[in-house]
């Protein structure tokens, strides 16, 4: 059985419609496991943010728009703190405190 793990930029571009997941593997001593990784990344000099056609007054942007290079710099410079980097990129709802 195969799985697809969507990554954070895809969740940002779809404004949360397709959520990313943390990668987890479970060891199975009975059955062999084969993993094949494939990668996709937007242009490093481009912008990344929610697709404008997905934004409406009822579904405002959930994530900031930023330069892709800045996204990756922030992503790779973070320490593992138990929180997703997506939490840093979320637009604060005007009804939330903080």
Protein backbone atom coordinates (compact mmCIF):
# COMPACT_ATOMS: atom_id res chain seq x y z
CA UNK A 1 0.00 0.00 0.00
CA UNK A 2 1.37 3.43 -0.88
CA UNK A 3 1.02 6.76 0.86
CA UNK A 4 1.33 10.31 -0.35
CA UNK A 5 2.78 12.83 2.05
CA UNK A 6 2.01 16.38 1.05
CA UNK A 7 4.53 18.93 2.13
CA UNK A 8 4.08 22.33 3.75
CA UNK A 9 4.32 24.50 0.59
CA UNK A 10 1.41 22.56 -0.91
CA UNK A 11 -0.71 23.28 2.17
CA UNK A 12 0.20 26.96 1.89
CA UNK A 13 -0.62 27.18 -1.83
CA UNK A 14 -3.97 25.42 -1.32
CA UNK A 15 -4.74 27.65 1.70
CA UNK A 16 -5.12 24.57 3.90
CA UNK A 17 -7.45 22.62 1.62
CA UNK A 18 -4.84 19.86 1.32
CA UNK A 19 -3.04 19.59 4.67
CA UNK A 20 0.54 18.43 4.95
CA UNK A 21 1.44 15.56 7.25
CA UNK A 22 4.44 14.67 9.35
CA UNK A 23 6.33 11.72 7.92
CA UNK A 24 6.24 8.67 10.15
CA UNK A 25 7.42 5.15 9.50
CA UNK A 26 6.45 2.06 11.44
CA UNK A 27 8.88 -0.84 11.61
CA UNK A 28 7.38 -4.13 10.50
CA UNK A 29 9.54 -7.19 11.24
CA UNK A 30 7.37 -9.43 9.05
CA UNK A 31 7.06 -7.47 5.83
CA UNK A 32 9.72 -5.64 3.84
CA UNK A 33 9.24 -1.92 3.30
CA UNK A 34 10.31 0.03 0.23
CA UNK A 35 10.31 3.82 0.18
CA UNK A 36 10.74 5.97 -2.88
CA UNK A 37 11.15 9.67 -2.32
CA UNK A 38 10.29 12.26 -4.92
CA UNK A 39 10.67 15.98 -4.46
CA UNK A 40 9.11 19.06 -5.94
CA UNK A 41 9.97 22.61 -5.07
CA UNK A 42 8.79 25.93 -6.45
CA UNK A 43 11.31 28.33 -8.02
CA UNK A 44 13.60 29.59 -5.27
CA UNK A 45 13.29 33.22 -6.43
CA UNK A 46 9.49 33.06 -6.71
CA UNK A 47 6.73 33.89 -4.27
CA UNK A 48 4.75 31.32 -2.34
CA UNK A 49 1.38 31.94 -0.74
CA UNK A 50 -2.27 30.97 -0.99
CA UNK A 51 -3.57 30.83 -4.56
CA UNK A 52 -5.62 34.03 -5.10
CA UNK A 53 -8.50 32.17 -6.76
CA UNK A 54 -9.04 30.21 -3.52
CA UNK A 55 -9.43 33.35 -1.39
CA UNK A 56 -12.81 34.89 -0.66
CA UNK A 57 -14.24 36.93 2.21
CA UNK A 58 -15.51 33.62 3.64
CA UNK A 59 -12.15 31.88 3.12
CA UNK A 60 -9.41 34.46 3.77
CA UNK A 61 -5.70 33.66 3.51
CA UNK A 62 -4.55 31.33 6.28
CA UNK A 63 -0.85 31.73 5.46
CA UNK A 64 1.51 34.59 4.65
CA UNK A 65 2.87 35.07 1.13
CA UNK A 66 6.65 35.05 1.09
CA UNK A 67 9.67 34.52 -1.13
CA UNK A 68 10.40 30.80 -1.50
CA UNK A 69 14.07 31.29 -0.54
CA UNK A 70 12.95 32.92 2.73
CA UNK A 71 10.60 30.01 3.42
CA UNK A 72 13.42 27.47 3.09
CA UNK A 73 15.88 29.60 5.11
CA UNK A 74 13.36 29.74 7.94
CA UNK A 75 12.44 26.08 7.62
CA UNK A 76 16.02 24.79 7.76
CA UNK A 77 17.19 27.21 10.49
CA UNK A 78 14.52 26.17 12.99
CA UNK A 79 15.21 23.96 15.95
CA UNK A 80 12.86 21.06 16.49
CA UNK A 81 10.39 22.48 18.98
CA UNK A 82 7.47 20.13 18.45
CA UNK A 83 5.58 22.69 16.38
CA UNK A 84 5.17 22.77 12.65
CA UNK A 85 6.84 25.56 10.71
CA UNK A 86 3.36 26.19 9.29
CA UNK A 87 2.38 27.65 12.67
CA UNK A 88 4.95 30.43 12.14
CA UNK A 89 3.52 31.20 8.70
CA UNK A 90 -0.14 31.41 9.69
CA UNK A 91 -1.93 34.72 9.31
CA UNK A 92 -3.27 35.76 12.69
CA UNK A 93 -7.06 35.87 12.72
CA UNK A 94 -8.25 39.30 13.86
CA UNK A 95 -10.46 37.55 16.46
CA UNK A 96 -7.48 35.75 18.01
CA UNK A 97 -5.35 37.31 20.67
CA UNK A 98 -1.67 37.17 20.30
